[in-house]
Amino acid sequence: MDAVVRVLGAPGATLWRTQRGAARHAVLNQALIWRIGDDADSEPLRAQLANLSTTGIGLLIGMPLSPTERLTFEMTLEEIGHVQWKCRVRWCEASSDGIYRVGARFIDI
């Protein structure tokens, strides 16, 4: 959680508040995600981090993810270096360009 707070408090961070009141920071960065569980793929999936808050992340990915699916998320952020977080998919919606927008909540951080 300290890493997320450092990113949100970094100079020049572009923050906005969601309907739930959580401050979000726009971040466009490549990431790898792994599914957690019995039917998990061993190969990582490529995704793009779209935004970050103290409670979760917004991702852009080329395939749908199921709500409640658990993921390990890994990337490098300029402000803090390498990070690895676990999260649970809360929602997934398709966009007209074939990309899926995913909202995931942090777990175990």
N, C-alpha and C. Protein backbone atom coordinates (compact mmCIF):
# COMPACT_ATOMS: atom_id res chain seq x y z
N MET A 1 0.83 -1.19 0.00
CA MET A 1 0.00 0.00 0.00
C MET A 1 0.87 1.25 0.00
N ASP A 2 2.01 1.21 0.69
CA ASP A 2 2.90 2.38 0.72
C ASP A 2 3.33 2.78 -0.68
N ALA A 3 3.58 1.79 -1.54
CA ALA A 3 4.00 2.08 -2.91
C ALA A 3 2.91 2.84 -3.65
N VAL A 4 1.66 2.44 -3.48
CA VAL A 4 0.54 3.12 -4.14
C VAL A 4 0.44 4.56 -3.65
N VAL A 5 0.56 4.77 -2.36
CA VAL A 5 0.48 6.11 -1.78
C VAL A 5 1.60 6.99 -2.33
N ARG A 6 2.80 6.43 -2.51
CA ARG A 6 3.92 7.21 -3.06
C ARG A 6 3.63 7.63 -4.50
N VAL A 7 3.04 6.75 -5.29
CA VAL A 7 2.70 7.10 -6.68
C VAL A 7 1.64 8.19 -6.69
N LEU A 8 0.61 8.05 -5.88
CA LEU A 8 -0.47 9.03 -5.85
C LEU A 8 0.01 10.39 -5.36
N GLY A 9 1.03 10.40 -4.52
CA GLY A 9 1.55 11.65 -3.98
C GLY A 9 2.73 12.22 -4.74
N ALA A 10 3.11 11.58 -5.86
CA ALA A 10 4.27 12.04 -6.62
C ALA A 10 3.99 13.41 -7.26
N PRO A 11 5.02 14.25 -7.38
CA PRO A 11 4.83 15.54 -8.04
C PRO A 11 4.29 15.35 -9.45
N GLY A 12 3.31 16.13 -9.82
CA GLY A 12 2.75 16.05 -11.16
C GLY A 12 1.70 14.96 -11.35
N ALA A 13 1.36 14.24 -10.30
CA ALA A 13 0.35 13.19 -10.41
C ALA A 13 -1.00 13.81 -10.77
N THR A 14 -1.64 13.27 -11.80
CA THR A 14 -2.95 13.74 -12.23
C THR A 14 -4.01 12.93 -11.52
N LEU A 15 -4.68 13.53 -10.57
CA LEU A 15 -5.66 12.82 -9.75
C LEU A 15 -7.08 13.28 -10.07
N TRP A 16 -8.01 12.36 -9.97
CA TRP A 16 -9.43 12.68 -9.99
C TRP A 16 -10.13 11.72 -9.06
N ARG A 17 -11.35 12.04 -8.68
CA ARG A 17 -12.10 11.20 -7.75
C ARG A 17 -13.21 10.47 -8.49
N THR A 18 -13.40 9.22 -8.12
CA THR A 18 -14.47 8.42 -8.70
C THR A 18 -15.76 8.68 -7.93
N GLN A 19 -16.84 8.07 -8.39
CA GLN A 19 -18.11 8.20 -7.68
C GLN A 19 -18.00 7.65 -6.26
N ARG A 20 -17.14 6.68 -6.06
CA ARG A 20 -16.95 6.10 -4.72
C ARG A 20 -16.03 6.95 -3.86
N GLY A 21 -15.45 8.02 -4.42
CA GLY A 21 -14.64 8.92 -3.64
C GLY A 21 -13.15 8.62 -3.61
N ALA A 22 -12.72 7.51 -4.25
CA ALA A 22 -11.30 7.15 -4.24
C ALA A 22 -10.54 8.03 -5.23
N ALA A 23 -9.41 8.57 -4.80
CA ALA A 23 -8.57 9.35 -5.71
C ALA A 23 -7.88 8.39 -6.67
N ARG A 24 -7.94 8.70 -7.95
CA ARG A 24 -7.31 7.88 -8.99
C ARG A 24 -6.23 8.69 -9.69
N HIS A 25 -5.19 7.99 -10.12
CA HIS A 25 -4.06 8.59 -10.83
C HIS A 25 -3.97 7.94 -12.21
N ALA A 26 -3.99 8.74 -13.26
CA ALA A 26 -3.84 8.21 -14.62
C ALA A 26 -2.41 7.72 -14.82
N VAL A 27 -2.27 6.47 -15.21
CA VAL A 27 -0.96 5.87 -15.46
C VAL A 27 -1.09 5.03 -16.71
N LEU A 28 -0.27 5.28 -17.71
CA LEU A 28 -0.26 4.42 -18.89
C LEU A 28 1.07 3.69 -18.90
N ASN A 29 1.02 2.42 -18.55
CA ASN A 29 2.24 1.64 -18.41
C ASN A 29 1.94 0.19 -18.71
N GLN A 30 2.86 -0.49 -19.37
CA GLN A 30 2.70 -1.90 -19.67
C GLN A 30 2.84 -2.74 -18.41
N ALA A 31 2.08 -3.82 -18.35
CA ALA A 31 2.10 -4.69 -17.18
C ALA A 31 1.92 -6.14 -17.61
N LEU A 32 2.31 -7.03 -16.74
CA LEU A 32 2.06 -8.46 -16.91
C LEU A 32 1.11 -8.90 -15.81
N ILE A 33 0.18 -9.78 -16.16
CA ILE A 33 -0.71 -10.32 -15.14
C ILE A 33 -0.77 -11.84 -15.29
N TRP A 34 -0.89 -12.50 -14.16
CA TRP A 34 -1.05 -13.95 -14.11
C TRP A 34 -2.35 -14.25 -13.40
N ARG A 35 -3.08 -15.22 -13.91
CA ARG A 35 -4.29 -15.67 -13.22
C ARG A 35 -3.88 -16.54 -12.04
N ILE A 36 -4.62 -16.43 -10.94
CA ILE A 36 -4.37 -17.23 -9.74
C ILE A 36 -5.50 -18.25 -9.63
N GLY A 37 -5.16 -19.51 -9.40
CA GLY A 37 -6.19 -20.53 -9.21
C GLY A 37 -5.90 -21.80 -9.98
N ASP A 38 -6.80 -22.76 -9.84
CA ASP A 38 -6.61 -24.07 -10.45
C ASP A 38 -6.56 -24.03 -11.97
N ASP A 39 -7.35 -23.16 -12.58
CA ASP A 39 -7.39 -23.07 -14.04
C ASP A 39 -6.50 -21.96 -14.57
N ALA A 40 -5.53 -21.54 -13.78
CA ALA A 40 -4.66 -20.41 -14.14
C ALA A 40 -3.72 -20.79 -15.29
N ASP A 41 -3.51 -19.83 -16.16
CA ASP A 41 -2.53 -19.98 -17.24
C ASP A 41 -1.14 -19.80 -16.65
N SER A 42 -0.16 -20.55 -17.18
CA SER A 42 1.20 -20.38 -16.68
C SER A 42 1.89 -19.21 -17.37
N GLU A 43 1.43 -18.83 -18.55
CA GLU A 43 2.01 -17.71 -19.28
C GLU A 43 1.35 -16.41 -18.83
N PRO A 44 2.13 -15.35 -18.67
CA PRO A 44 1.51 -14.07 -18.28
C PRO A 44 0.72 -13.46 -19.44
N LEU A 45 -0.27 -12.67 -19.09
CA LEU A 45 -1.05 -11.91 -20.05
C LEU A 45 -0.51 -10.49 -20.06
N ARG A 46 -0.46 -9.88 -21.24
CA ARG A 46 0.00 -8.49 -21.33
C ARG A 46 -1.20 -7.58 -21.19
N ALA A 47 -1.01 -6.53 -20.42
CA ALA A 47 -2.08 -5.56 -20.18
C ALA A 47 -1.45 -4.18 -20.09
N GLN A 48 -2.29 -3.19 -20.09
CA GLN A 48 -1.83 -1.81 -19.87
C GLN A 48 -2.56 -1.27 -18.65
N LEU A 49 -1.78 -0.77 -17.71
CA LEU A 49 -2.36 -0.10 -16.55
C LEU A 49 -2.90 1.24 -17.03
N ALA A 50 -4.17 1.51 -16.74
CA ALA A 50 -4.78 2.78 -17.14
C ALA A 50 -4.84 3.76 -15.98
N ASN A 51 -5.13 3.24 -14.76
CA ASN A 51 -5.18 4.11 -13.60
C ASN A 51 -4.95 3.31 -12.34
N LEU A 52 -4.67 4.03 -11.28
CA LEU A 52 -4.27 3.44 -10.01
C LEU A 52 -4.90 4.24 -8.88
N SER A 53 -5.38 3.54 -7.85
CA SER A 53 -5.87 4.22 -6.64
C SER A 53 -5.38 3.43 -5.44
N THR A 54 -5.72 3.90 -4.25
CA THR A 54 -5.31 3.16 -3.05
C THR A 54 -6.09 1.88 -2.88
N THR A 55 -7.18 1.71 -3.62
CA THR A 55 -7.99 0.49 -3.49
C THR A 55 -7.87 -0.46 -4.66
N GLY A 56 -7.35 0.00 -5.80
CA GLY A 56 -7.27 -0.91 -6.94
C GLY A 56 -6.69 -0.27 -8.19
N ILE A 57 -6.88 -0.99 -9.31
CA ILE A 57 -6.30 -0.58 -10.59
C ILE A 57 -7.35 -0.66 -11.69
N GLY A 58 -7.11 0.08 -12.75
CA GLY A 58 -7.88 -0.02 -13.98
C GLY A 58 -6.94 -0.52 -15.06
N LEU A 59 -7.35 -1.56 -15.77
CA LEU A 59 -6.52 -2.17 -16.80
C LEU A 59 -7.20 -2.10 -18.16
N LEU A 60 -6.40 -2.15 -19.21
CA LEU A 60 -6.85 -2.36 -20.57
C LEU A 60 -6.19 -3.64 -21.05
N ILE A 61 -6.99 -4.58 -21.58
CA ILE A 61 -6.45 -5.88 -21.97
C ILE A 61 -7.22 -6.40 -23.18
N GLY A 62 -6.61 -7.27 -23.95
CA GLY A 62 -7.20 -7.77 -25.18
C GLY A 62 -8.13 -8.95 -25.04
N MET A 63 -8.48 -9.34 -23.84
CA MET A 63 -9.39 -10.46 -23.63
C MET A 63 -10.23 -10.22 -22.40
N PRO A 64 -11.41 -10.82 -22.31
CA PRO A 64 -12.24 -10.61 -21.12
C PRO A 64 -11.69 -11.36 -19.91
N LEU A 65 -11.89 -10.78 -18.74
CA LEU A 65 -11.58 -11.42 -17.47
C LEU A 65 -12.87 -11.53 -16.68
N SER A 66 -13.01 -12.60 -15.93
CA SER A 66 -14.25 -12.83 -15.18
C SER A 66 -14.24 -12.10 -13.85
N PRO A 67 -15.37 -11.47 -13.50
CA PRO A 67 -15.47 -10.88 -12.16
C PRO A 67 -15.20 -11.95 -11.11
N THR A 68 -14.53 -11.57 -10.06
CA THR A 68 -14.05 -12.39 -8.94
C THR A 68 -12.77 -13.15 -9.27
N GLU A 69 -12.32 -13.13 -10.53
CA GLU A 69 -11.05 -13.78 -10.87
C GLU A 69 -9.91 -13.07 -10.14
N ARG A 70 -8.98 -13.86 -9.59
CA ARG A 70 -7.84 -13.29 -8.87
C ARG A 70 -6.62 -13.26 -9.78
N LEU A 71 -5.84 -12.18 -9.67
CA LEU A 71 -4.68 -11.96 -10.53
C LEU A 71 -3.47 -11.54 -9.72
N THR A 72 -2.29 -11.85 -10.25
CA THR A 72 -1.05 -11.25 -9.78
C THR A 72 -0.65 -10.27 -10.87
N PHE A 73 -0.39 -9.05 -10.48
CA PHE A 73 -0.13 -7.94 -11.38
C PHE A 73 1.31 -7.47 -11.14
N GLU A 74 2.09 -7.31 -12.22
CA GLU A 74 3.50 -6.94 -12.06
C GLU A 74 3.89 -5.91 -13.11
N MET A 75 4.63 -4.91 -12.65
CA MET A 75 5.11 -3.87 -13.57
C MET A 75 6.20 -3.04 -12.88
N THR A 76 6.78 -2.13 -13.65
CA THR A 76 7.75 -1.18 -13.10
C THR A 76 7.19 0.22 -13.28
N LEU A 77 7.16 0.98 -12.20
CA LEU A 77 6.71 2.36 -12.22
C LEU A 77 7.91 3.28 -12.01
N GLU A 78 7.97 4.35 -12.76
CA GLU A 78 9.09 5.29 -12.66
C GLU A 78 9.27 5.81 -11.24
N GLU A 79 8.16 6.09 -10.56
CA GLU A 79 8.23 6.71 -9.24
C GLU A 79 8.77 5.77 -8.15
N ILE A 80 8.53 4.45 -8.30
CA ILE A 80 8.86 3.54 -7.19
C ILE A 80 9.58 2.26 -7.60
N GLY A 81 9.73 2.02 -8.89
CA GLY A 81 10.40 0.81 -9.35
C GLY A 81 9.45 -0.36 -9.55
N HIS A 82 9.99 -1.57 -9.38
CA HIS A 82 9.23 -2.79 -9.62
C HIS A 82 8.18 -3.02 -8.54
N VAL A 83 6.96 -3.36 -8.97
CA VAL A 83 5.88 -3.68 -8.03
C VAL A 83 5.20 -4.97 -8.45
N GLN A 84 4.67 -5.67 -7.45
CA GLN A 84 3.86 -6.86 -7.70
C GLN A 84 2.72 -6.84 -6.68
N TRP A 85 1.50 -6.86 -7.19
CA TRP A 85 0.32 -6.82 -6.33
C TRP A 85 -0.64 -7.92 -6.72
N LYS A 86 -1.44 -8.35 -5.78
CA LYS A 86 -2.53 -9.28 -6.05
C LYS A 86 -3.83 -8.47 -6.05
N CYS A 87 -4.72 -8.85 -6.95
CA CYS A 87 -6.00 -8.14 -7.03
C CYS A 87 -7.10 -9.10 -7.48
N ARG A 88 -8.34 -8.65 -7.30
CA ARG A 88 -9.52 -9.42 -7.71
C ARG A 88 -10.32 -8.57 -8.69
N VAL A 89 -10.66 -9.17 -9.82
CA VAL A 89 -11.43 -8.46 -10.84
C VAL A 89 -12.81 -8.14 -10.28
N ARG A 90 -13.22 -6.89 -10.39
CA ARG A 90 -14.55 -6.45 -9.93
C ARG A 90 -15.52 -6.34 -11.10
N TRP A 91 -15.02 -5.88 -12.24
CA TRP A 91 -15.87 -5.73 -13.42
C TRP A 91 -15.00 -5.77 -14.67
N CYS A 92 -15.63 -6.10 -15.80
CA CYS A 92 -14.94 -6.14 -17.08
C CYS A 92 -15.96 -5.76 -18.15
N GLU A 93 -15.60 -4.80 -19.00
CA GLU A 93 -16.53 -4.41 -20.07
C GLU A 93 -15.77 -4.24 -21.38
N ALA A 94 -16.40 -4.69 -22.46
CA ALA A 94 -15.80 -4.59 -23.79
C ALA A 94 -16.00 -3.19 -24.34
N SER A 95 -15.03 -2.72 -25.09
CA SER A 95 -15.18 -1.45 -25.79
C SER A 95 -15.32 -1.76 -27.29
N SER A 96 -15.69 -0.79 -28.07
CA SER A 96 -15.95 -1.00 -29.49
C SER A 96 -14.70 -1.39 -30.28
N ASP A 97 -13.52 -1.12 -29.75
CA ASP A 97 -12.28 -1.43 -30.47
C ASP A 97 -11.70 -2.80 -30.11
N GLY A 98 -12.46 -3.62 -29.38
CA GLY A 98 -12.00 -4.97 -29.04
C GLY A 98 -11.13 -5.04 -27.80
N ILE A 99 -10.93 -3.93 -27.15
CA ILE A 99 -10.16 -3.89 -25.90
C ILE A 99 -11.14 -3.97 -24.73
N TYR A 100 -10.73 -4.65 -23.68
CA TYR A 100 -11.57 -4.77 -22.49
C TYR A 100 -11.04 -3.86 -21.39
N ARG A 101 -11.95 -3.11 -20.79
CA ARG A 101 -11.64 -2.28 -19.61
C ARG A 101 -11.95 -3.12 -18.40
N VAL A 102 -10.99 -3.19 -17.47
CA VAL A 102 -11.14 -4.03 -16.28
C VAL A 102 -10.87 -3.21 -15.04
N GLY A 103 -11.71 -3.35 -14.05
CA GLY A 103 -11.49 -2.75 -12.74
C GLY A 103 -11.18 -3.87 -11.76
N ALA A 104 -10.10 -3.73 -11.00
CA ALA A 104 -9.69 -4.76 -10.04
C ALA A 104 -9.34 -4.13 -8.71
N ARG A 105 -9.67 -4.81 -7.64
CA ARG A 105 -9.43 -4.32 -6.28
C ARG A 105 -8.24 -5.07 -5.68
N PHE A 106 -7.36 -4.34 -4.99
CA PHE A 106 -6.21 -4.97 -4.36
C PHE A 106 -6.64 -5.95 -3.27
N ILE A 107 -5.90 -7.04 -3.17
CA ILE A 107 -6.03 -7.98 -2.06
C ILE A 107 -4.62 -8.31 -1.58
N ASP A 108 -4.46 -8.59 -0.31
CA ASP A 108 -3.17 -9.02 0.23
C ASP A 108 -2.03 -8.04 0.03
N ILE A 109 -2.31 -6.72 0.12
CA ILE A 109 -1.16 -5.78 0.11
C ILE A 109 -1.21 -4.93 1.35
